Amino acid sequence: MVTFSYEQLLSMLESLNCTPDEAQSHLKHMHASIVMAIRVTRATYGMSMGEAKKIVDRHPVWMAQSALGNKIQEKAIAAAGVLLPQ
């Protein structure tokens, strides 16, 4: 599997002249990680990290990975809460 750098993905998206939603299919096709998709979407469209995360999280090509990531994050937060002194 070929992996592309942040710069290569950024250049590709800028040349496609597509919407942020359309970009997600291209990023997934190019084997970008979900984190890389958020970073590249943010940079390409000049939006905040939160806005880019919302676009990536709600897009059908990322839904399975997004749901898994959210579950892992919830478990990590719960575990950290148990470990923090009261």
PDB file of N, CA and C in Angstrom:
ATOM      1  N   MET A   1       0.842  -1.170   0.000  1.00  0.00           N
ATOM      2  CA  MET A   1       0.000   0.000   0.000  1.00  0.00           C
ATOM      3  C   MET A   1       0.897   1.246   0.000  1.00  0.00           C
ATOM      4  N   VAL A   2       0.583   2.156  -0.864  1.00  0.00           N
ATOM      5  CA  VAL A   2       1.318   3.407  -0.957  1.00  0.00           C
ATOM      6  C   VAL A   2       0.741   4.387   0.062  1.00  0.00           C
ATOM      7  N   THR A   3       1.604   5.038   0.815  1.00  0.00           N
ATOM      8  CA  THR A   3       1.141   6.082   1.716  1.00  0.00           C
ATOM      9  C   THR A   3       1.675   7.419   1.220  1.00  0.00           C
ATOM     10  N   PHE A   4       0.877   8.428   1.396  1.00  0.00           N
ATOM     11  CA  PHE A   4       1.234   9.760   0.927  1.00  0.00           C
ATOM     12  C   PHE A   4       1.527  10.652   2.116  1.00  0.00           C
ATOM     13  N   SER A   5       2.434  11.573   1.930  1.00  0.00           N
ATOM     14  CA  SER A   5       2.784  12.511   2.996  1.00  0.00           C
ATOM     15  C   SER A   5       1.702  13.580   3.122  1.00  0.00           C
ATOM     16  N   TYR A   6       1.764  14.294   4.219  1.00  0.00           N
ATOM     17  CA  TYR A   6       0.862  15.418   4.457  1.00  0.00           C
ATOM     18  C   TYR A   6       0.934  16.395   3.280  1.00  0.00           C
ATOM     19  N   GLU A   7       2.130  16.723   2.864  1.00  0.00           N
ATOM     20  CA  GLU A   7       2.314  17.685   1.773  1.00  0.00           C
ATOM     21  C   GLU A   7       1.718  17.184   0.461  1.00  0.00           C
ATOM     22  N   GLN A   8       1.886  15.887   0.184  1.00  0.00           N
ATOM     23  CA  GLN A   8       1.330  15.313  -1.048  1.00  0.00           C
ATOM     24  C   GLN A   8      -0.199  15.343  -1.018  1.00  0.00           C
ATOM     25  N   LEU A   9      -0.787  14.979   0.120  1.00  0.00           N
ATOM     26  CA  LEU A   9      -2.245  14.998   0.238  1.00  0.00           C
ATOM     27  C   LEU A   9      -2.777  16.423   0.120  1.00  0.00           C
ATOM     28  N   LEU A  10      -2.095  17.355   0.740  1.00  0.00           N
ATOM     29  CA  LEU A  10      -2.497  18.759   0.688  1.00  0.00           C
ATOM     30  C   LEU A  10      -2.461  19.264  -0.755  1.00  0.00           C
ATOM     31  N   SER A  11      -1.399  18.971  -1.454  1.00  0.00           N
ATOM     32  CA  SER A  11      -1.258  19.389  -2.848  1.00  0.00           C
ATOM     33  C   SER A  11      -2.342  18.767  -3.726  1.00  0.00           C
ATOM     34  N   MET A  12      -2.623  17.494  -3.501  1.00  0.00           N
ATOM     35  CA  MET A  12      -3.645  16.801  -4.280  1.00  0.00           C
ATOM     36  C   MET A  12      -5.012  17.450  -4.073  1.00  0.00           C
ATOM     37  N   LEU A  13      -5.370  17.721  -2.818  1.00  0.00           N
ATOM     38  CA  LEU A  13      -6.681  18.321  -2.555  1.00  0.00           C
ATOM     39  C   LEU A  13      -6.787  19.716  -3.150  1.00  0.00           C
ATOM     40  N   GLU A  14      -5.738  20.487  -3.035  1.00  0.00           N
ATOM     41  CA  GLU A  14      -5.766  21.837  -3.591  1.00  0.00           C
ATOM     42  C   GLU A  14      -5.953  21.808  -5.105  1.00  0.00           C
ATOM     43  N   SER A  15      -5.397  20.817  -5.765  1.00  0.00           N
ATOM     44  CA  SER A  15      -5.520  20.733  -7.221  1.00  0.00           C
ATOM     45  C   SER A  15      -6.889  20.229  -7.678  1.00  0.00           C
ATOM     46  N   LEU A  16      -7.600  19.524  -6.813  1.00  0.00           N
ATOM     47  CA  LEU A  16      -8.901  18.965  -7.196  1.00  0.00           C
ATOM     48  C   LEU A  16     -10.031  19.986  -7.200  1.00  0.00           C
ATOM     49  N   ASN A  17      -9.885  21.043  -6.424  1.00  0.00           N
ATOM     50  CA  ASN A  17     -10.927  22.071  -6.354  1.00  0.00           C
ATOM     51  C   ASN A  17     -12.294  21.454  -6.033  1.00  0.00           C
ATOM     52  N   CYS A  18     -12.350  20.706  -4.939  1.00  0.00           N
ATOM     53  CA  CYS A  18     -13.596  20.062  -4.534  1.00  0.00           C
ATOM     54  C   CYS A  18     -14.029  20.577  -3.161  1.00  0.00           C
ATOM     55  N   THR A  19     -15.241  20.257  -2.765  1.00  0.00           N
ATOM     56  CA  THR A  19     -15.744  20.681  -1.456  1.00  0.00           C
ATOM     57  C   THR A  19     -15.093  19.832  -0.361  1.00  0.00           C
ATOM     58  N   PRO A  20     -15.154  20.295   0.892  1.00  0.00           N
ATOM     59  CA  PRO A  20     -14.602  19.487   1.985  1.00  0.00           C
ATOM     60  C   PRO A  20     -15.234  18.097   2.067  1.00  0.00           C
ATOM     61  N   ASP A  21     -16.539  18.002   1.826  1.00  0.00           N
ATOM     62  CA  ASP A  21     -17.198  16.690   1.857  1.00  0.00           C
ATOM     63  C   ASP A  21     -16.707  15.791   0.728  1.00  0.00           C
ATOM     64  N   GLU A  22     -16.571  16.345  -0.466  1.00  0.00           N
ATOM     65  CA  GLU A  22     -16.070  15.558  -1.595  1.00  0.00           C
ATOM     66  C   GLU A  22     -14.629  15.116  -1.359  1.00  0.00           C
ATOM     67  N   ALA A  23     -13.873  15.922  -0.673  1.00  0.00           N
ATOM     68  CA  ALA A  23     -12.459  15.612  -0.420  1.00  0.00           C
ATOM     69  C   ALA A  23     -12.281  14.340   0.404  1.00  0.00           C
ATOM     70  N   GLN A  24     -13.243  14.011   1.245  1.00  0.00           N
ATOM     71  CA  GLN A  24     -13.090  12.863   2.140  1.00  0.00           C
ATOM     72  C   GLN A  24     -12.977  11.548   1.369  1.00  0.00           C
ATOM     73  N   SER A  25     -13.742  11.402   0.321  1.00  0.00           N
ATOM     74  CA  SER A  25     -13.641  10.183  -0.500  1.00  0.00           C
ATOM     75  C   SER A  25     -12.266  10.069  -1.140  1.00  0.00           C
ATOM     76  N   HIS A  26     -11.738  11.195  -1.597  1.00  0.00           N
ATOM     77  CA  HIS A  26     -10.401  11.198  -2.199  1.00  0.00           C
ATOM     78  C   HIS A  26      -9.340  10.826  -1.160  1.00  0.00           C
ATOM     79  N   LEU A  27      -9.455  11.397   0.034  1.00  0.00           N
ATOM     80  CA  LEU A  27      -8.484  11.106   1.087  1.00  0.00           C
ATOM     81  C   LEU A  27      -8.529   9.634   1.489  1.00  0.00           C
ATOM     82  N   LYS A  28      -9.722   9.097   1.621  1.00  0.00           N
ATOM     83  CA  LYS A  28      -9.871   7.680   1.977  1.00  0.00           C
ATOM     84  C   LYS A  28      -9.280   6.799   0.875  1.00  0.00           C
ATOM     85  N   HIS A  29      -9.550   7.146  -0.380  1.00  0.00           N
ATOM     86  CA  HIS A  29      -9.026   6.391  -1.530  1.00  0.00           C
ATOM     87  C   HIS A  29      -7.496   6.409  -1.550  1.00  0.00           C
ATOM     88  N   MET A  30      -6.910   7.488  -1.044  1.00  0.00           N
ATOM     89  CA  MET A  30      -5.449   7.610  -1.023  1.00  0.00           C
ATOM     90  C   MET A  30      -4.854   7.051   0.279  1.00  0.00           C
ATOM     91  N   HIS A  31      -5.662   6.327   1.036  1.00  0.00           N
ATOM     92  CA  HIS A  31      -5.218   5.642   2.255  1.00  0.00           C
ATOM     93  C   HIS A  31      -4.739   6.584   3.350  1.00  0.00           C
ATOM     94  N   ALA A  32      -5.314   7.777   3.401  1.00  0.00           N
ATOM     95  CA  ALA A  32      -4.989   8.690   4.498  1.00  0.00           C
ATOM     96  C   ALA A  32      -5.607   8.141   5.776  1.00  0.00           C
ATOM     97  N   SER A  33      -4.972   8.392   6.888  1.00  0.00           N
ATOM     98  CA  SER A  33      -5.570   8.030   8.173  1.00  0.00           C
ATOM     99  C   SER A  33      -6.638   9.068   8.509  1.00  0.00           C
ATOM    100  N   ILE A  34      -7.476   8.748   9.461  1.00  0.00           N
ATOM    101  CA  ILE A  34      -8.525   9.691   9.843  1.00  0.00           C
ATOM    102  C   ILE A  34      -7.919  10.962  10.433  1.00  0.00           C
ATOM    103  N   VAL A  35      -6.834  10.825  11.175  1.00  0.00           N
ATOM    104  CA  VAL A  35      -6.154  11.995  11.739  1.00  0.00           C
ATOM    105  C   VAL A  35      -5.563  12.854  10.616  1.00  0.00           C
ATOM    106  N   MET A  36      -4.961  12.212   9.640  1.00  0.00           N
ATOM    107  CA  MET A  36      -4.399  12.949   8.505  1.00  0.00           C
ATOM    108  C   MET A  36      -5.518  13.634   7.715  1.00  0.00           C
ATOM    109  N   ALA A  37      -6.658  12.979   7.569  1.00  0.00           N
ATOM    110  CA  ALA A  37      -7.788  13.580   6.857  1.00  0.00           C
ATOM    111  C   ALA A  37      -8.238  14.861   7.559  1.00  0.00           C
ATOM    112  N   ILE A  38      -8.276  14.841   8.880  1.00  0.00           N
ATOM    113  CA  ILE A  38      -8.660  16.031   9.640  1.00  0.00           C
ATOM    114  C   ILE A  38      -7.634  17.142   9.415  1.00  0.00           C
ATOM    115  N   ARG A  39      -6.359  16.808   9.526  1.00  0.00           N
ATOM    116  CA  ARG A  39      -5.295  17.810   9.363  1.00  0.00           C
ATOM    117  C   ARG A  39      -5.313  18.434   7.967  1.00  0.00           C
ATOM    118  N   VAL A  40      -5.428  17.590   6.953  1.00  0.00           N
ATOM    119  CA  VAL A  40      -5.387  18.080   5.571  1.00  0.00           C
ATOM    120  C   VAL A  40      -6.650  18.878   5.244  1.00  0.00           C
ATOM    121  N   THR A  41      -7.796  18.434   5.734  1.00  0.00           N
ATOM    122  CA  THR A  41      -9.045  19.164   5.512  1.00  0.00           C
ATOM    123  C   THR A  41      -8.946  20.552   6.143  1.00  0.00           C
ATOM    124  N   ARG A  42      -8.432  20.617   7.364  1.00  0.00           N
ATOM    125  CA  ARG A  42      -8.274  21.895   8.064  1.00  0.00           C
ATOM    126  C   ARG A  42      -7.393  22.851   7.265  1.00  0.00           C
ATOM    127  N   ALA A  43      -6.267  22.362   6.834  1.00  0.00           N
ATOM    128  CA  ALA A  43      -5.311  23.210   6.121  1.00  0.00           C
ATOM    129  C   ALA A  43      -5.821  23.623   4.740  1.00  0.00           C
ATOM    130  N   THR A  44      -6.416  22.709   4.020  1.00  0.00           N
ATOM    131  CA  THR A  44      -6.872  22.996   2.659  1.00  0.00           C
ATOM    132  C   THR A  44      -7.992  24.027   2.636  1.00  0.00           C
ATOM    133  N   TYR A  45      -8.917  23.906   3.585  1.00  0.00           N
ATOM    134  CA  TYR A  45     -10.104  24.759   3.556  1.00  0.00           C
ATOM    135  C   TYR A  45     -10.065  25.889   4.575  1.00  0.00           C
ATOM    136  N   GLY A  46      -8.943  26.052   5.276  1.00  0.00           N
ATOM    137  CA  GLY A  46      -8.778  27.168   6.188  1.00  0.00           C
ATOM    138  C   GLY A  46      -9.782  27.194   7.324  1.00  0.00           C
ATOM    139  N   MET A  47     -10.059  26.044   7.887  1.00  0.00           N
ATOM    140  CA  MET A  47     -11.034  25.970   8.970  1.00  0.00           C
ATOM    141  C   MET A  47     -10.361  25.530  10.260  1.00  0.00           C
ATOM    142  N   SER A  48     -11.094  25.610  11.341  1.00  0.00           N
ATOM    143  CA  SER A  48     -10.542  25.188  12.624  1.00  0.00           C
ATOM    144  C   SER A  48     -10.450  23.660  12.663  1.00  0.00           C
ATOM    145  N   MET A  49      -9.651  23.170  13.592  1.00  0.00           N
ATOM    146  CA  MET A  49      -9.513  21.722  13.758  1.00  0.00           C
ATOM    147  C   MET A  49     -10.870  21.107  14.120  1.00  0.00           C
ATOM    148  N   GLY A  50     -11.645  21.792  14.951  1.00  0.00           N
ATOM    149  CA  GLY A  50     -12.969  21.298  15.340  1.00  0.00           C
ATOM    150  C   GLY A  50     -13.920  21.170  14.161  1.00  0.00           C
ATOM    151  N   GLU A  51     -13.915  22.176  13.292  1.00  0.00           N
ATOM    152  CA  GLU A  51     -14.765  22.133  12.097  1.00  0.00           C
ATOM    153  C   GLU A  51     -14.350  20.989  11.180  1.00  0.00           C
ATOM    154  N   ALA A  52     -13.056  20.830  10.985  1.00  0.00           N
ATOM    155  CA  ALA A  52     -12.556  19.753  10.124  1.00  0.00           C
ATOM    156  C   ALA A  52     -12.906  18.391  10.708  1.00  0.00           C
ATOM    157  N   LYS A  53     -12.795  18.251  12.029  1.00  0.00           N
ATOM    158  CA  LYS A  53     -13.124  16.980  12.679  1.00  0.00           C
ATOM    159  C   LYS A  53     -14.595  16.642  12.481  1.00  0.00           C
ATOM    160  N   LYS A  54     -15.469  17.623  12.581  1.00  0.00           N
ATOM    161  CA  LYS A  54     -16.906  17.385  12.373  1.00  0.00           C
ATOM    162  C   LYS A  54     -17.177  16.890  10.954  1.00  0.00           C
ATOM    163  N   ILE A  55     -16.526  17.492   9.969  1.00  0.00           N
ATOM    164  CA  ILE A  55     -16.717  17.081   8.574  1.00  0.00           C
ATOM    165  C   ILE A  55     -16.250  15.643   8.379  1.00  0.00           C
ATOM    166  N   VAL A  56     -15.072  15.330   8.899  1.00  0.00           N
ATOM    167  CA  VAL A  56     -14.523  13.978   8.742  1.00  0.00           C
ATOM    168  C   VAL A  56     -15.376  12.968   9.511  1.00  0.00           C
ATOM    169  N   ASP A  57     -15.709  13.263  10.756  1.00  0.00           N
ATOM    170  CA  ASP A  57     -16.474  12.329  11.591  1.00  0.00           C
ATOM    171  C   ASP A  57     -17.833  11.963  11.001  1.00  0.00           C
ATOM    172  N   ARG A  58     -18.494  12.919  10.357  1.00  0.00           N
ATOM    173  CA  ARG A  58     -19.848  12.653   9.852  1.00  0.00           C
ATOM    174  C   ARG A  58     -19.858  12.047   8.439  1.00  0.00           C
ATOM    175  N   HIS A  59     -18.708  12.020   7.774  1.00  0.00           N
ATOM    176  CA  HIS A  59     -18.681  11.515   6.402  1.00  0.00           C
ATOM    177  C   HIS A  59     -18.743   9.986   6.396  1.00  0.00           C
ATOM    178  N   PRO A  60     -19.570   9.400   5.518  1.00  0.00           N
ATOM    179  CA  PRO A  60     -19.738   7.941   5.491  1.00  0.00           C
ATOM    180  C   PRO A  60     -18.446   7.129   5.343  1.00  0.00           C
ATOM    181  N   VAL A  61     -17.454   7.643   4.621  1.00  0.00           N
ATOM    182  CA  VAL A  61     -16.230   6.855   4.434  1.00  0.00           C
ATOM    183  C   VAL A  61     -15.426   6.730   5.719  1.00  0.00           C
ATOM    184  N   TRP A  62     -15.658   7.605   6.689  1.00  0.00           N
ATOM    185  CA  TRP A  62     -14.895   7.585   7.943  1.00  0.00           C
ATOM    186  C   TRP A  62     -15.722   7.110   9.136  1.00  0.00           C
ATOM    187  N   MET A  63     -17.007   6.849   8.978  1.00  0.00           N
ATOM    188  CA  MET A  63     -17.882   6.579  10.130  1.00  0.00           C
ATOM    189  C   MET A  63     -17.406   5.424  11.006  1.00  0.00           C
ATOM    190  N   ALA A  64     -16.988   4.323  10.438  1.00  0.00           N
ATOM    191  CA  ALA A  64     -16.557   3.177  11.246  1.00  0.00           C
ATOM    192  C   ALA A  64     -15.324   3.530  12.071  1.00  0.00           C
ATOM    193  N   GLN A  65     -14.353   4.183  11.452  1.00  0.00           N
ATOM    194  CA  GLN A  65     -13.142   4.577  12.172  1.00  0.00           C
ATOM    195  C   GLN A  65     -13.443   5.647  13.216  1.00  0.00           C
ATOM    196  N   SER A  66     -14.334   6.551  12.898  1.00  0.00           N
ATOM    197  CA  SER A  66     -14.694   7.614  13.821  1.00  0.00           C
ATOM    198  C   SER A  66     -15.381   7.043  15.052  1.00  0.00           C
ATOM    199  N   ALA A  67     -16.303   6.111  14.841  1.00  0.00           N
ATOM    200  CA  ALA A  67     -17.011   5.498  15.965  1.00  0.00           C
ATOM    201  C   ALA A  67     -16.046   4.732  16.860  1.00  0.00           C
ATOM    202  N   LEU A  68     -15.128   3.999  16.263  1.00  0.00           N
ATOM    203  CA  LEU A  68     -14.136   3.255  17.041  1.00  0.00           C
ATOM    204  C   LEU A  68     -13.251   4.213  17.833  1.00  0.00           C
ATOM    205  N   GLY A  69     -12.812   5.271  17.196  1.00  0.00           N
ATOM    206  CA  GLY A  69     -11.973   6.261  17.866  1.00  0.00           C
ATOM    207  C   GLY A  69     -12.684   6.921  19.037  1.00  0.00           C
ATOM    208  N   ASN A  70     -13.972   7.209  18.850  1.00  0.00           N
ATOM    209  CA  ASN A  70     -14.740   7.822  19.934  1.00  0.00           C
ATOM    210  C   ASN A  70     -14.890   6.868  21.115  1.00  0.00           C
ATOM    211  N   LYS A  71     -15.098   5.580  20.850  1.00  0.00           N
ATOM    212  CA  LYS A  71     -15.205   4.592  21.931  1.00  0.00           C
ATOM    213  C   LYS A  71     -13.889   4.478  22.695  1.00  0.00           C
ATOM    214  N   ILE A  72     -12.795   4.450  21.978  1.00  0.00           N
ATOM    215  CA  ILE A  72     -11.484   4.369  22.619  1.00  0.00           C
ATOM    216  C   ILE A  72     -11.239   5.614  23.463  1.00  0.00           C
ATOM    217  N   GLN A  73     -11.600   6.770  22.927  1.00  0.00           N
ATOM    218  CA  GLN A  73     -11.418   8.018  23.668  1.00  0.00           C
ATOM    219  C   GLN A  73     -12.268   8.017  24.941  1.00  0.00           C
ATOM    220  N   GLU A  74     -13.509   7.568  24.861  1.00  0.00           N
ATOM    221  CA  GLU A  74     -14.373   7.511  26.039  1.00  0.00           C
ATOM    222  C   GLU A  74     -13.791   6.596  27.107  1.00  0.00           C
ATOM    223  N   LYS A  75     -13.267   5.432  26.695  1.00  0.00           N
ATOM    224  CA  LYS A  75     -12.662   4.504  27.656  1.00  0.00           C
ATOM    225  C   LYS A  75     -11.410   5.092  28.291  1.00  0.00           C
ATOM    226  N   ALA A  76     -10.620   5.805  27.488  1.00  0.00           N
ATOM    227  CA  ALA A  76      -9.407   6.432  28.021  1.00  0.00           C
ATOM    228  C   ALA A  76      -9.754   7.515  29.036  1.00  0.00           C
ATOM    229  N   ILE A  77     -10.782   8.294  28.749  1.00  0.00           N
ATOM    230  CA  ILE A  77     -11.214   9.341  29.681  1.00  0.00           C
ATOM    231  C   ILE A  77     -11.739   8.721  30.969  1.00  0.00           C
ATOM    232  N   ALA A  78     -12.528   7.646  30.836  1.00  0.00           N
ATOM    233  CA  ALA A  78     -13.053   6.966  32.022  1.00  0.00           C
ATOM    234  C   ALA A  78     -11.914   6.382  32.859  1.00  0.00           C
ATOM    235  N   ALA A  79     -10.937   5.783  32.198  1.00  0.00           N
ATOM    236  CA  ALA A  79      -9.801   5.204  32.926  1.00  0.00           C
ATOM    237  C   ALA A  79      -8.985   6.287  33.607  1.00  0.00           C
ATOM    238  N   ALA A  80      -8.813   7.417  32.943  1.00  0.00           N
ATOM    239  CA  ALA A  80      -8.058   8.525  33.527  1.00  0.00           C
ATOM    240  C   ALA A  80      -8.794   9.081  34.738  1.00  0.00           C
ATOM    241  N   GLY A  81     -10.113   9.110  34.677  1.00  0.00           N
ATOM    242  CA  GLY A  81     -10.904   9.583  35.816  1.00  0.00           C
ATOM    243  C   GLY A  81     -10.742   8.698  37.035  1.00  0.00           C
ATOM    244  N   VAL A  82     -10.610   7.400  36.807  1.00  0.00           N
ATOM    245  CA  VAL A  82     -10.407   6.454  37.903  1.00  0.00           C
ATOM    246  C   VAL A  82      -9.027   6.649  38.515  1.00  0.00           C
ATOM    247  N   LEU A  83      -8.051   6.975  37.673  1.00  0.00           N
ATOM    248  CA  LEU A  83      -6.682   7.101  38.135  1.00  0.00           C
ATOM    249  C   LEU A  83      -6.367   8.453  38.769  1.00  0.00           C
ATOM    250  N   LEU A  84      -7.185   9.475  38.497  1.00  0.00           N
ATOM    251  CA  LEU A  84      -6.909  10.790  39.045  1.00  0.00           C
ATOM    252  C   LEU A  84      -7.259  10.844  40.528  1.00  0.00           C
ATOM    253  N   PRO A  85      -6.437  11.496  41.320  1.00  0.00           N
ATOM    254  CA  PRO A  85      -6.752  11.624  42.748  1.00  0.00           C
ATOM    255  C   PRO A  85      -7.975  12.526  42.939  1.00  0.00           C
ATOM    256  N   GLN A  86      -8.772  12.200  43.896  1.00  0.00           N
ATOM    257  CA  GLN A  86     -10.002  12.967  44.186  1.00  0.00           C
ATOM    258  C   GLN A  86      -9.733  14.122  45.095  1.00  0.00           C
TER     259      GLN A  86
END
